[in-house]
Amino acid sequence: MPAAPYNGEVLPFFAAMTSTSSAPSASNFIRNIVDEDNRTGKWEGRVETRFPPEPNGYLHYGHAKSICLNFGLAESYGGVCHLRFDDTNPAKEDQEYVDAIIEAVRWLGFDWRQHLYFASDYFDIMYACAESLIKADKAYVDSQSADEMRVRRGTLTEPGVDSPCRNRGIDENLDLFRRMKAGEFADGAYVLRAKIDMASPNINLRDPAIYRIRRATHHRTGDKWCIYPMYTFAHPIEDAIENVTHSICTLEFEDQRPFYEWLLEALADAGHFPRPLPHQIEFARLNLTYVVLSKRKLIQLVDGAYVSGWNDPRLPTLSGARRRGFTPEGFRLFAERIGVAKADSWIDMSVLEECMREHLNDAAHRRIAVLDPLKLIIANYPEGASELCQAPNHPLKPELGMRDIPFSRELWIEREDFMETPVKGFHRLYPGNTVRLRYGYVVKCTGCEKDAAGKVTAVFAEYFPDSRSGTPGADNYKTKGNLHWVCAAHAYTAEVRLYDRLFAQPHPGQRREGDPEGFERDFLDDINPDSIRVVEARLEPALRAARAEDRFQFERHGYFVADRYDSAEGAPVFNRAIPLKDSWAKSGK
């Protein structure tokens, strides 16, 4: 079925980010191709792309790059991008994955409007295309086993050998193929193969299989079919049916492009599709340090309980990223920043993290949290008294206003902010030292209290009544330390999860210097043992009202989000999205 007409509206994000009148970036060669097609009038100015996930898993960071590229390219040229599910393998596909993929693409901020398609919508057309190839003597039914076909396929240096079934007559092939469809044969008894060239230097042109028998209930078509098209056969047909102009895929499909073009030319000759035919363009997939994006390895992490599930915030899935507190705007900025290239290269995880940090710094309201609480008692502050201090919701956005923070005699501070015997350069609390309590008073430390084991259980101080921030004379007090705190009587106690990178090595599972000769490293050996730490924190009372997915900067600690699953009304649980600075670079990890 042809794609519906598009009204030409450009989404606001892409209207601001790109325009057809600007010169294409040198790092986005695909724009050069589109511009040339528009100059020659190949598609009469039409740009139609597609994002074609297989519904057999959850989307990951690499898919985010592809989504931003396909949707962004179409939108910036006033075109349209289709969301299409390549559901040609019912044994591995499920509606759960369809729903998760739709949710992820929407979360990233993209809209396919009426252009939601499924390969299974076209099974009848694909079957008709296969029969056309048989009638043109460009396909045949093969009864060899998979092992026999593999042996006859040849190698990179040796040509393949024709199948004994290759010269079957057209009528016999049609009869066998129709009987395959009717369910007369067992799985694996026959396959339909394209009839191209067993001596081709491109192994993908050595009579590839295009249909196989597979008895499995399809999540959309049920048991209507017992034969299913191979992905490499279905994909170009889907593009042609939908009038896709630029079929953008990753580099591993480059060797498949000759078959893509052969198939569409053969079907165009048979009258199935008009010319010009869709143009397949390959780009380098995302290679990101400190993660694994292989579907097999992600399944291994989930099934082996190395993570809590597909939405674990440490997993590089988009559902995990969302739960962690990463933002759609951060992913779009990342995709724009790394560009689109033809050659493979590695992108350091810090680039993605900095994009998230850049957006969150602008968007997140500020709040105070004490993650490792230690009691601070201000001995000369009146018992039972309290007052409200003022703090900005965002220091660079005065229009967002101020908030009240309660202050009283007993406060919570970070344990690391006190040292009984300070090291050189320590400017926080120690006996005799003076610091400012942020948004509050200046205090002077007078001592501490310890338990029987020698652990400090409380710190004592005295405050200066005329030193409150924002009052006349407060600037007369000069201190080197500035500490955050929360009022003990009003603090909200909450679970806070401190997430870090899942892997401790930039290339998990790869051989490293010092490994003995012949040593095979397992990527699971590189899991970071400190990738999650759970603490019971003390938070300023305003955070009790946080709703699921509300994001904040916890001053001094980083950016946090209220967990979308475990937070309840009046009882949010917080996940750390990212520290304020690149802690890995700082620590030399």
Protein backbone atom coordinates (compact mmCIF):
# COMPACT_ATOMS: atom_id res chain seq x y z
CA MET A 1 0.00 0.00 0.00
CA PRO A 2 1.40 3.44 -0.85
CA ALA A 3 2.26 5.79 1.98
CA ALA A 4 -0.30 8.46 2.79
CA PRO A 5 0.47 12.06 1.71
CA TYR A 6 2.34 14.26 4.15
CA ASN A 7 1.23 17.78 5.02
CA GLY A 8 4.74 19.23 5.06
CA GLU A 9 4.72 20.31 8.70
CA VAL A 10 8.16 20.36 10.35
CA LEU A 11 8.47 19.43 14.01
CA PRO A 12 9.69 22.43 16.09
CA PHE A 13 12.88 20.75 17.28
CA PHE A 14 14.13 20.03 13.78
CA ALA A 15 12.94 23.34 12.40
CA ALA A 16 15.26 24.97 14.91
CA MET A 17 18.08 22.47 14.53
CA THR A 18 18.38 22.18 10.75
CA SER A 19 17.10 23.63 7.52
CA THR A 20 17.42 22.65 3.89
CA SER A 21 18.98 26.00 3.07
CA SER A 22 21.98 25.51 5.33
CA ALA A 23 25.12 23.77 4.09
CA PRO A 24 25.21 20.08 5.06
CA SER A 25 27.67 19.07 7.70
CA ALA A 26 30.81 17.36 6.46
CA SER A 27 30.13 14.60 8.98
CA ASN A 28 26.69 13.86 7.50
CA PHE A 29 27.33 12.49 4.02
CA ILE A 30 23.70 11.37 3.76
CA ARG A 31 22.61 15.00 3.51
CA ASN A 32 24.89 15.40 0.50
CA ILE A 33 23.09 12.48 -1.18
CA VAL A 34 19.65 13.90 -0.39
CA ASP A 35 20.67 17.36 -1.61
CA GLU A 36 21.92 15.88 -4.89
CA ASP A 37 18.68 13.91 -5.36
CA ASN A 38 16.71 17.10 -4.78
CA ARG A 39 18.91 19.00 -7.23
CA THR A 40 18.33 16.44 -9.98
CA GLY A 41 14.65 16.03 -9.15
CA LYS A 42 14.98 12.27 -8.71
CA TRP A 43 12.17 12.13 -6.16
CA GLU A 44 10.59 15.47 -7.06
CA GLY A 45 11.82 16.86 -3.74
CA ARG A 46 10.24 14.07 -1.69
CA VAL A 47 12.18 12.63 1.27
CA GLU A 48 10.70 9.54 2.90
CA THR A 49 12.70 7.45 5.37
CA ARG A 50 11.83 4.66 7.80
CA PHE A 51 12.95 3.28 11.14
CA PRO A 52 12.49 -0.52 10.84
CA PRO A 53 13.05 -2.31 14.18
CA GLU A 54 12.52 -6.04 14.57
CA PRO A 55 10.10 -6.60 17.50
CA ASN A 56 12.35 -9.16 19.19
CA GLY A 57 14.03 -7.00 21.85
CA TYR A 58 14.28 -3.60 23.47
CA LEU A 59 15.79 -0.57 21.77
CA HIS A 60 19.24 0.56 22.92
CA TYR A 61 21.50 3.61 22.59
CA GLY A 62 22.50 2.63 19.06
CA HIS A 63 18.86 2.65 18.00
CA ALA A 64 18.55 6.18 19.41
CA LYS A 65 21.16 7.33 16.89
CA SER A 66 19.27 5.65 14.06
CA ILE A 67 15.92 7.04 15.21
CA CYS A 68 17.30 10.58 15.41
CA LEU A 69 18.91 10.18 11.99
CA ASN A 70 15.89 8.76 10.16
CA PHE A 71 13.21 10.93 11.76
CA GLY A 72 15.44 14.00 11.90
CA LEU A 73 16.52 13.78 8.27
CA ALA A 74 12.97 13.43 6.99
CA GLU A 75 11.61 16.20 9.17
CA SER A 76 14.36 18.65 8.29
CA TYR A 77 13.55 18.23 4.59
CA GLY A 78 9.80 18.54 5.15
CA GLY A 79 9.37 14.80 4.61
CA VAL A 80 8.11 11.91 6.66
CA CYS A 81 9.59 8.94 8.49
CA HIS A 82 7.73 5.66 8.89
CA LEU A 83 7.83 3.46 11.98
CA ARG A 84 7.79 -0.04 10.57
CA PHE A 85 8.10 -3.34 12.41
CA ASP A 86 9.97 -6.05 10.50
CA ASP A 87 8.02 -8.88 12.08
CA THR A 88 9.10 -11.73 9.79
CA ASN A 89 10.36 -14.14 12.49
CA PRO A 90 7.42 -15.17 14.71
CA ALA A 91 9.56 -17.49 16.82
CA LYS A 92 11.34 -14.53 18.45
CA GLU A 93 8.82 -11.69 18.27
CA ASP A 94 6.24 -10.51 20.75
CA GLN A 95 3.71 -7.73 21.25
CA GLU A 96 5.63 -6.74 24.40
CA TYR A 97 8.51 -5.58 22.22
CA VAL A 98 6.20 -3.73 19.83
CA ASP A 99 4.71 -1.77 22.71
CA ALA A 100 8.14 -1.03 24.22
CA ILE A 101 9.53 0.20 20.89
CA ILE A 102 6.54 2.48 20.26
CA GLU A 103 6.90 3.91 23.76
CA ALA A 104 10.66 4.49 23.30
CA VAL A 105 10.31 6.29 19.95
CA ARG A 106 7.55 8.49 21.34
CA TRP A 107 9.65 9.21 24.43
CA LEU A 108 12.47 10.44 22.20
CA GLY A 109 10.00 12.99 20.85
CA PHE A 110 9.23 11.64 17.37
CA ASP A 111 5.89 11.29 15.64
CA TRP A 112 5.25 8.99 12.68
CA ARG A 113 1.65 10.27 12.44
CA GLN A 114 -0.35 7.77 10.33
CA HIS A 115 2.78 5.99 9.10
CA LEU A 116 2.84 2.95 11.38
CA TYR A 117 3.42 -0.24 9.41
CA PHE A 118 4.21 -3.93 9.89
CA ALA A 119 5.93 -6.32 7.52
CA SER A 120 3.11 -8.75 8.30
CA ASP A 121 0.69 -6.31 6.63
CA TYR A 122 2.43 -7.16 3.36
CA PHE A 123 2.73 -10.96 3.59
CA ASP A 124 0.25 -11.46 0.74
CA ILE A 125 2.16 -9.01 -1.47
CA MET A 126 5.48 -10.65 -0.59
CA TYR A 127 4.10 -14.05 -1.48
CA ALA A 128 2.91 -12.70 -4.84
CA CYS A 129 6.38 -11.22 -5.43
CA ALA A 130 7.96 -14.63 -4.72
CA GLU A 131 5.66 -16.31 -7.24
CA SER A 132 6.60 -13.65 -9.82
CA LEU A 133 10.28 -14.49 -9.34
CA ILE A 134 9.53 -18.19 -9.84
CA LYS A 135 7.55 -17.47 -13.03
CA ALA A 136 10.48 -15.38 -14.33
CA ASP A 137 12.87 -18.27 -13.54
CA LYS A 138 14.56 -16.09 -10.92
CA ALA A 139 13.73 -18.31 -7.93
CA TYR A 140 13.52 -22.03 -7.22
CA VAL A 141 12.56 -24.40 -4.43
CA ASP A 142 15.51 -26.23 -2.88
CA SER A 143 15.21 -29.43 -0.86
CA GLN A 144 18.82 -29.51 0.37
CA SER A 145 19.45 -29.40 4.09
CA ALA A 146 20.92 -26.27 5.64
CA ASP A 147 24.28 -28.04 6.03
CA GLU A 148 24.30 -29.13 2.39
CA MET A 149 23.56 -25.60 1.23
CA ARG A 150 26.29 -24.25 3.47
CA VAL A 151 28.88 -26.62 1.97
CA ARG A 152 27.88 -25.76 -1.59
CA ARG A 153 27.89 -22.04 -0.90
CA GLY A 154 31.67 -21.77 -1.30
CA THR A 155 34.06 -19.39 0.43
CA LEU A 156 35.41 -15.90 -0.05
CA THR A 157 38.05 -17.33 -2.42
CA GLU A 158 36.14 -20.26 -3.96
CA PRO A 159 32.90 -20.06 -5.93
CA GLY A 160 29.79 -21.90 -4.84
CA VAL A 161 28.34 -24.99 -6.48
CA ASP A 162 24.89 -25.08 -8.06
CA SER A 163 22.20 -26.90 -6.12
CA PRO A 164 20.91 -30.12 -7.69
CA CYS A 165 17.48 -28.44 -7.50
CA ARG A 166 18.51 -25.29 -9.35
CA ASN A 167 17.24 -26.47 -12.73
CA ARG A 168 13.80 -27.54 -11.58
CA GLY A 169 11.13 -26.38 -14.00
CA ILE A 170 8.99 -23.32 -13.32
CA ASP A 171 5.80 -25.34 -12.96
CA GLU A 172 7.38 -27.75 -10.49
CA ASN A 173 8.78 -24.85 -8.43
CA LEU A 174 5.37 -23.14 -8.37
CA ASP A 175 3.69 -26.35 -7.29
CA LEU A 176 6.21 -26.97 -4.49
CA PHE A 177 6.06 -23.39 -3.27
CA ARG A 178 2.27 -23.44 -3.14
CA ARG A 179 2.38 -26.73 -1.25
CA MET A 180 4.87 -25.16 1.17
CA LYS A 181 2.29 -22.43 1.77
CA ALA A 182 -0.45 -25.02 2.21
CA GLY A 183 1.51 -26.66 5.02
CA GLU A 184 2.23 -29.98 3.34
CA PHE A 185 5.89 -30.12 4.38
CA ALA A 186 7.80 -30.13 7.64
CA ASP A 187 9.92 -27.21 8.83
CA GLY A 188 13.24 -27.21 6.99
CA ALA A 189 12.11 -29.60 4.24
CA TYR A 190 12.24 -26.90 1.56
CA VAL A 191 13.32 -23.30 1.11
CA LEU A 192 12.73 -20.88 -1.73
CA ARG A 193 15.97 -19.41 -3.07
CA ALA A 194 16.66 -16.51 -5.42
CA LYS A 195 18.35 -17.67 -8.62
CA ILE A 196 21.25 -15.29 -9.15
CA ASP A 197 24.88 -16.48 -9.43
CA MET A 198 26.59 -19.18 -7.36
CA ALA A 199 29.98 -17.93 -8.61
CA SER A 200 29.43 -14.31 -7.53
CA PRO A 201 32.32 -12.81 -5.53
CA ASN A 202 29.62 -11.46 -3.18
CA ILE A 203 28.46 -14.47 -1.18
CA ASN A 204 25.14 -12.74 -0.53
CA LEU A 205 24.31 -13.15 -4.23
CA ARG A 206 24.90 -16.91 -4.25
CA ASP A 207 21.25 -17.86 -4.46
CA PRO A 208 20.17 -16.57 -1.04
CA ALA A 209 17.17 -18.12 0.71
CA ILE A 210 14.09 -15.87 0.52
CA TYR A 211 11.34 -18.03 2.11
CA ARG A 212 11.42 -20.79 4.70
CA ILE A 213 8.88 -23.07 6.36
CA ARG A 214 8.37 -22.15 10.00
CA ARG A 215 5.41 -23.29 12.05
CA ALA A 216 5.10 -20.65 14.74
CA THR A 217 2.19 -18.52 15.87
CA HIS A 218 2.69 -14.94 14.74
CA HIS A 219 1.80 -12.22 17.23
CA ARG A 220 -0.36 -10.47 14.61
CA THR A 221 -1.35 -13.04 11.94
CA GLY A 222 -1.73 -16.02 14.27
CA ASP A 223 -1.45 -19.34 12.38
CA LYS A 224 -2.46 -18.01 8.97
CA TRP A 225 1.04 -18.59 7.59
CA CYS A 226 3.49 -21.45 7.93
CA ILE A 227 6.02 -19.92 5.52
CA TYR A 228 7.73 -16.62 6.23
CA PRO A 229 9.96 -14.36 4.13
CA MET A 230 13.59 -13.85 5.09
CA TYR A 231 14.41 -10.38 6.38
CA THR A 232 16.66 -9.57 3.41
CA PHE A 233 13.79 -10.39 1.03
CA ALA A 234 11.08 -8.60 3.01
CA HIS A 235 12.94 -5.39 3.73
CA PRO A 236 13.39 -4.01 0.20
CA ILE A 237 9.80 -4.96 -0.68
CA GLU A 238 8.52 -3.08 2.35
CA ASP A 239 10.54 -0.02 1.31
CA ALA A 240 9.09 -0.15 -2.21
CA ILE A 241 5.51 -0.64 -1.02
CA GLU A 242 5.81 2.37 1.27
CA ASN A 243 7.44 4.61 -1.36
CA VAL A 244 10.55 5.07 0.77
CA THR A 245 13.13 7.22 -1.01
CA HIS A 246 16.21 6.78 1.19
CA SER A 247 16.53 3.46 3.04
CA ILE A 248 19.15 4.21 5.66
CA CYS A 249 20.77 1.29 7.50
CA THR A 250 24.01 0.41 9.25
CA LEU A 251 27.21 -0.78 7.61
CA GLU A 252 26.64 -4.50 8.20
CA PHE A 253 24.01 -4.32 5.43
CA GLU A 254 26.45 -2.91 2.87
CA ASP A 255 27.19 -6.36 1.44
CA GLN A 256 23.44 -6.94 1.15
CA ARG A 257 22.87 -3.86 -1.01
CA PRO A 258 23.54 -5.74 -4.31
CA PHE A 259 20.75 -8.19 -3.43
CA TYR A 260 18.49 -5.32 -2.35
CA GLU A 261 18.98 -3.71 -5.75
CA TRP A 262 18.75 -7.01 -7.70
CA LEU A 263 15.46 -7.91 -6.04
CA LEU A 264 13.79 -4.53 -6.59
CA GLU A 265 14.94 -4.39 -10.22
CA ALA A 266 13.54 -7.89 -10.82
CA LEU A 267 10.22 -6.98 -9.24
CA ALA A 268 10.08 -3.67 -11.10
CA ASP A 269 10.63 -5.59 -14.36
CA ALA A 270 7.67 -7.79 -13.36
CA GLY A 271 5.51 -4.70 -12.89
CA HIS A 272 5.26 -4.75 -9.10
CA PHE A 273 6.91 -1.39 -8.41
CA PRO A 274 7.52 1.80 -10.37
CA ARG A 275 10.91 3.40 -10.78
CA PRO A 276 12.84 5.15 -9.30
CA LEU A 277 13.32 2.48 -6.66
CA PRO A 278 14.35 3.07 -3.03
CA HIS A 279 18.02 3.86 -2.49
CA GLN A 280 19.80 1.97 0.30
CA ILE A 281 22.46 4.03 2.11
CA GLU A 282 24.69 2.65 4.85
CA PHE A 283 26.19 4.55 7.77
CA ALA A 284 28.45 3.60 10.67
CA ARG A 285 26.60 2.18 13.64
CA LEU A 286 27.17 3.56 17.13
CA ASN A 287 30.24 2.11 18.85
CA LEU A 288 30.20 3.39 22.41
CA THR A 289 32.75 2.68 25.12
CA TYR A 290 31.82 1.11 28.48
CA VAL A 291 28.68 -0.59 27.13
CA VAL A 292 27.70 -3.63 25.06
CA LEU A 293 25.04 -3.15 22.39
CA SER A 294 24.98 -6.71 21.08
CA LYS A 295 21.48 -8.13 21.48
CA ARG A 296 22.98 -11.49 22.42
CA LYS A 297 25.05 -9.95 25.21
CA LEU A 298 22.18 -7.82 26.48
CA ILE A 299 20.03 -10.95 26.73
CA GLN A 300 22.88 -12.64 28.60
CA LEU A 301 23.00 -9.79 31.11
CA VAL A 302 19.24 -9.94 31.69
CA ASP A 303 18.86 -13.73 31.75
CA GLY A 304 21.91 -14.12 33.99
CA ALA A 305 20.47 -11.58 36.48
CA TYR A 306 23.54 -9.33 36.20
CA VAL A 307 20.95 -6.55 35.94
CA SER A 308 17.41 -6.41 37.28
CA GLY A 309 15.72 -6.47 33.86
CA TRP A 310 15.43 -4.70 30.53
CA ASN A 311 14.68 -1.41 32.26
CA ASP A 312 17.59 -1.59 34.69
CA PRO A 313 19.10 1.94 34.70
CA ARG A 314 22.58 0.50 34.11
CA LEU A 315 21.56 -1.29 30.90
CA PRO A 316 22.04 0.69 27.65
CA THR A 317 18.41 0.23 26.64
CA LEU A 318 16.24 3.28 26.08
CA SER A 319 13.84 2.03 28.75
CA GLY A 320 16.79 1.78 31.15
CA ALA A 321 18.05 5.22 30.14
CA ARG A 322 14.65 6.75 30.74
CA ARG A 323 14.40 5.15 34.17
CA ARG A 324 17.89 6.36 35.01
CA GLY A 325 16.96 9.95 34.24
CA PHE A 326 18.57 10.43 30.83
CA THR A 327 16.56 12.78 28.63
CA PRO A 328 15.29 12.72 25.03
CA GLU A 329 16.87 16.13 24.53
CA GLY A 330 20.23 14.71 25.65
CA PHE A 331 20.01 11.87 23.12
CA ARG A 332 19.07 14.25 20.31
CA LEU A 333 21.96 16.54 21.22
CA PHE A 334 24.26 13.50 21.26
CA ALA A 335 23.11 12.37 17.81
CA GLU A 336 23.65 15.86 16.42
CA ARG A 337 27.07 16.19 18.06
CA ILE A 338 28.56 12.88 16.87
CA GLY A 339 27.24 13.30 13.32
CA VAL A 340 26.87 10.60 10.68
CA ALA A 341 29.88 8.91 9.11
CA LYS A 342 30.59 6.09 6.68
CA ALA A 343 33.56 4.68 8.60
CA ASP A 344 33.36 2.92 11.97
CA SER A 345 34.82 4.73 14.97
CA TRP A 346 34.51 4.69 18.75
CA ILE A 347 32.64 7.34 20.72
CA ASP A 348 33.60 7.72 24.36
CA MET A 349 30.78 7.34 26.87
CA SER A 350 31.73 10.73 28.32
CA VAL A 351 30.35 12.41 25.17
CA LEU A 352 26.88 11.00 25.81
CA GLU A 353 27.13 11.79 29.52
CA GLU A 354 28.15 15.37 28.82
CA CYS A 355 25.17 15.82 26.48
CA MET A 356 22.88 14.63 29.27
CA ARG A 357 24.64 16.88 31.76
CA GLU A 358 24.33 19.86 29.42
CA HIS A 359 20.58 19.49 29.07
CA LEU A 360 19.92 18.63 32.71
CA ASN A 361 21.97 21.59 33.89
CA ASP A 362 19.59 23.84 32.00
CA ALA A 363 16.35 22.01 32.75
CA ALA A 364 16.62 20.52 36.25
CA HIS A 365 15.42 22.38 39.34
CA ARG A 366 17.87 22.44 42.24
CA ARG A 367 17.29 20.61 45.50
CA ILE A 368 19.37 19.55 48.52
CA ALA A 369 20.04 15.96 49.55
CA VAL A 370 22.40 14.52 52.16
CA LEU A 371 23.44 11.05 51.02
CA ASP A 372 25.64 10.02 53.97
CA PRO A 373 24.02 11.84 56.89
CA LEU A 374 25.81 13.00 60.02
CA LYS A 375 24.01 15.04 62.70
CA LEU A 376 25.10 18.64 63.21
CA ILE A 377 23.89 20.22 66.45
CA ILE A 378 24.03 24.03 66.73
CA ALA A 379 24.33 24.35 70.48
CA ASN A 380 23.46 28.05 70.77
CA TYR A 381 20.41 27.92 68.50
CA PRO A 382 17.17 27.99 70.57
CA GLU A 383 15.69 24.54 71.19
CA GLY A 384 12.31 24.08 69.56
CA ALA A 385 12.79 27.10 67.31
CA SER A 386 12.89 26.99 63.49
CA GLU A 387 12.85 29.38 60.57
CA LEU A 388 12.66 29.30 56.78
CA CYS A 389 15.67 30.00 54.59
CA GLN A 390 15.33 30.90 50.93
CA ALA A 391 16.96 29.02 48.03
CA PRO A 392 16.55 29.52 44.26
CA ASN A 393 14.90 26.78 42.21
CA HIS A 394 17.48 27.47 39.50
CA PRO A 395 20.41 29.86 39.98
CA LEU A 396 20.38 30.94 36.31
CA LYS A 397 16.61 31.25 35.99
CA PRO A 398 15.25 33.74 38.51
CA GLU A 399 11.84 33.47 36.86
CA LEU A 400 11.50 30.01 38.44
CA GLY A 401 11.37 31.65 41.85
CA MET A 402 12.55 30.69 45.32
CA ARG A 403 11.64 27.90 47.72
CA ASP A 404 11.58 27.65 51.51
CA ILE A 405 14.01 25.37 53.36
CA PRO A 406 13.42 24.85 57.09
CA PHE A 407 16.32 25.53 59.46
CA SER A 408 16.54 24.47 63.11
CA ARG A 409 18.95 23.48 65.88
CA GLU A 410 19.65 19.99 64.47
CA LEU A 411 20.68 19.48 60.87
CA TRP A 412 21.98 16.69 58.66
CA ILE A 413 25.28 17.24 56.85
CA GLU A 414 27.45 14.93 54.76
CA ARG A 415 29.75 12.74 56.82
CA GLU A 416 32.66 13.63 54.54
CA ASP A 417 32.21 17.31 55.48
CA PHE A 418 33.67 16.74 58.97
CA MET A 419 37.19 15.69 59.95
CA GLU A 420 38.30 15.66 63.54
CA THR A 421 41.92 15.94 62.40
CA PRO A 422 41.82 17.73 59.03
CA VAL A 423 44.21 17.02 56.20
CA LYS A 424 45.92 19.86 54.39
CA GLY A 425 43.51 21.80 52.18
CA PHE A 426 40.38 20.63 54.03
CA HIS A 427 38.15 23.70 54.44
CA ARG A 428 34.99 22.16 55.83
CA LEU A 429 34.05 21.38 59.43
CA TYR A 430 36.72 20.57 62.00
CA PRO A 431 37.16 21.82 65.57
CA GLY A 432 37.79 25.56 65.53
CA ASN A 433 36.97 26.08 61.83
CA THR A 434 34.23 28.34 60.49
CA VAL A 435 32.05 27.49 57.46
CA ARG A 436 28.88 28.79 55.87
CA LEU A 437 25.80 26.61 55.78
CA ARG A 438 24.52 27.28 52.27
CA TYR A 439 21.46 29.58 52.29
CA GLY A 440 21.74 29.71 56.10
CA TYR A 441 24.16 30.84 58.78
CA VAL A 442 27.89 30.79 59.39
CA VAL A 443 28.82 28.28 62.10
CA LYS A 444 31.98 27.48 64.02
CA CYS A 445 32.73 23.85 64.86
CA THR A 446 33.26 23.22 68.58
CA GLY A 447 33.75 19.44 68.68
CA CYS A 448 32.10 16.09 68.10
CA GLU A 449 30.59 13.08 69.83
CA LYS A 450 31.64 9.44 69.24
CA ASP A 451 30.25 6.02 70.01
CA ALA A 452 32.10 3.22 71.80
CA ALA A 453 33.78 2.16 68.55
CA GLY A 454 35.15 5.65 67.97
CA LYS A 455 32.76 6.51 65.14
CA VAL A 456 31.62 10.12 65.05
CA THR A 457 27.86 10.26 65.74
CA ALA A 458 27.32 14.02 66.00
CA VAL A 459 29.16 17.29 65.36
CA PHE A 460 28.69 20.38 67.53
CA ALA A 461 28.85 24.01 66.43
CA GLU A 462 27.76 27.50 67.32
CA TYR A 463 26.13 29.89 64.86
CA PHE A 464 26.49 33.64 64.38
CA PRO A 465 22.97 35.16 64.47
CA ASP A 466 23.88 38.08 62.18
CA SER A 467 25.38 35.88 59.45
CA ARG A 468 22.26 34.58 57.73
CA SER A 469 22.54 34.60 53.93
CA GLY A 470 20.80 37.49 52.27
CA THR A 471 20.68 39.70 55.36
CA PRO A 472 22.67 42.92 55.98
CA GLY A 473 26.10 42.15 57.39
CA ALA A 474 26.15 38.51 56.24
CA ASP A 475 28.95 39.28 53.80
CA ASN A 476 31.19 40.36 56.68
CA TYR A 477 31.82 36.69 57.38
CA LYS A 478 34.48 35.26 55.07
CA THR A 479 34.70 31.47 54.94
CA LYS A 480 36.36 28.97 52.62
CA GLY A 481 33.83 26.21 53.21
CA ASN A 482 30.20 26.23 52.03
CA LEU A 483 28.18 23.17 53.08
CA HIS A 484 24.77 21.87 52.08
CA TRP A 485 22.44 20.57 54.77
CA VAL A 486 18.84 19.62 55.55
CA CYS A 487 16.81 20.21 58.69
CA ALA A 488 16.66 17.02 60.79
CA ALA A 489 13.11 17.67 62.00
CA HIS A 490 11.68 18.18 58.51
CA ALA A 491 13.93 15.99 56.32
CA TYR A 492 12.42 13.36 54.06
CA THR A 493 14.13 9.97 54.41
CA ALA A 494 14.26 8.19 51.05
CA GLU A 495 16.03 5.43 49.18
CA VAL A 496 18.53 6.84 46.70
CA ARG A 497 20.26 4.62 44.14
CA LEU A 498 23.68 5.74 43.01
CA TYR A 499 24.19 4.28 39.54
CA ASP A 500 27.49 4.18 37.72
CA ARG A 501 28.71 2.60 34.48
CA LEU A 502 27.92 -1.09 34.24
CA PHE A 503 31.40 -1.97 32.95
CA ALA A 504 34.74 -0.95 34.38
CA GLN A 505 36.60 -1.25 31.05
CA PRO A 506 36.04 0.83 27.91
CA HIS A 507 35.88 -2.28 25.69
CA PRO A 508 34.24 -5.07 27.70
CA GLY A 509 35.58 -8.52 26.87
CA GLN A 510 38.44 -7.32 24.69
CA ARG A 511 41.99 -8.42 25.25
CA ARG A 512 44.01 -6.04 27.42
CA GLU A 513 47.70 -5.41 27.95
CA GLY A 514 49.06 -8.02 30.33
CA ASP A 515 46.61 -10.78 29.36
CA PRO A 516 48.50 -14.05 28.75
CA GLU A 517 48.77 -15.36 25.20
CA GLY A 518 45.65 -17.22 24.15
CA PHE A 519 43.59 -15.87 27.05
CA GLU A 520 39.92 -15.42 26.17
CA ARG A 521 38.34 -12.63 28.18
CA ASP A 522 34.62 -12.80 28.96
CA PHE A 523 32.83 -9.45 28.79
CA LEU A 524 31.08 -10.38 32.05
CA ASP A 525 34.46 -10.31 33.80
CA ASP A 526 34.57 -6.55 33.18
CA ILE A 527 31.38 -5.72 35.05
CA ASN A 528 31.90 -2.83 37.45
CA PRO A 529 31.28 -4.11 41.01
CA ASP A 530 30.37 -0.55 42.07
CA SER A 531 27.80 0.03 39.32
CA ILE A 532 25.06 0.48 41.94
CA ARG A 533 25.05 1.60 45.56
CA VAL A 534 21.85 2.13 47.53
CA VAL A 535 21.76 4.62 50.42
CA GLU A 536 19.17 5.93 52.84
CA ALA A 537 19.41 9.66 52.30
CA ARG A 538 17.95 12.73 53.98
CA LEU A 539 16.28 15.10 51.52
CA GLU A 540 14.84 18.57 51.84
CA PRO A 541 11.08 18.29 52.44
CA ALA A 542 10.09 19.72 49.05
CA LEU A 543 11.32 16.50 47.42
CA ARG A 544 8.57 14.49 49.10
CA ALA A 545 6.16 15.92 46.50
CA ALA A 546 8.27 14.79 43.53
CA ARG A 547 6.35 12.78 40.94
CA ALA A 548 7.67 9.85 38.94
CA GLU A 549 10.22 11.04 36.34
CA ASP A 550 10.66 14.49 37.90
CA ARG A 551 14.34 15.39 37.52
CA PHE A 552 16.48 17.48 39.85
CA GLN A 553 20.03 18.53 40.45
CA PHE A 554 20.94 17.46 43.98
CA GLU A 555 23.44 20.17 44.81
CA ARG A 556 27.00 18.84 44.80
CA HIS A 557 25.91 15.27 43.97
CA GLY A 558 24.59 15.30 40.41
CA TYR A 559 21.33 14.84 38.55
CA PHE A 560 18.62 12.56 39.91
CA VAL A 561 15.20 11.36 38.83
CA ALA A 562 12.23 10.01 40.75
CA ASP A 563 12.03 6.35 39.71
CA ARG A 564 9.14 5.85 37.27
CA TYR A 565 8.24 2.43 38.69
CA ASP A 566 9.09 2.44 42.39
CA SER A 567 8.01 5.97 43.32
CA ALA A 568 4.63 6.44 44.99
CA GLU A 569 2.69 9.60 45.75
CA GLY A 570 4.40 11.28 48.68
CA ALA A 571 7.14 8.62 48.69
CA PRO A 572 9.50 9.03 45.72
CA VAL A 573 12.59 6.86 45.23
CA PHE A 574 15.48 8.56 43.43
CA ASN A 575 18.00 7.31 40.87
CA ARG A 576 21.20 9.14 40.02
CA ALA A 577 21.32 9.84 36.31
CA ILE A 578 24.78 11.37 36.17
CA PRO A 579 27.31 13.09 38.47
CA LEU A 580 27.95 16.81 38.11
CA LYS A 581 31.36 16.16 36.58
CA ASP A 582 32.97 13.33 34.65
CA SER A 583 33.95 11.36 37.73
CA TRP A 584 35.68 8.67 35.63
CA ALA A 585 38.07 11.15 34.05
CA LYS A 586 38.66 12.82 37.41
CA SER A 587 39.46 9.53 39.15
CA GLY A 588 41.53 8.16 36.28
CA LYS A 589 39.32 5.07 35.92
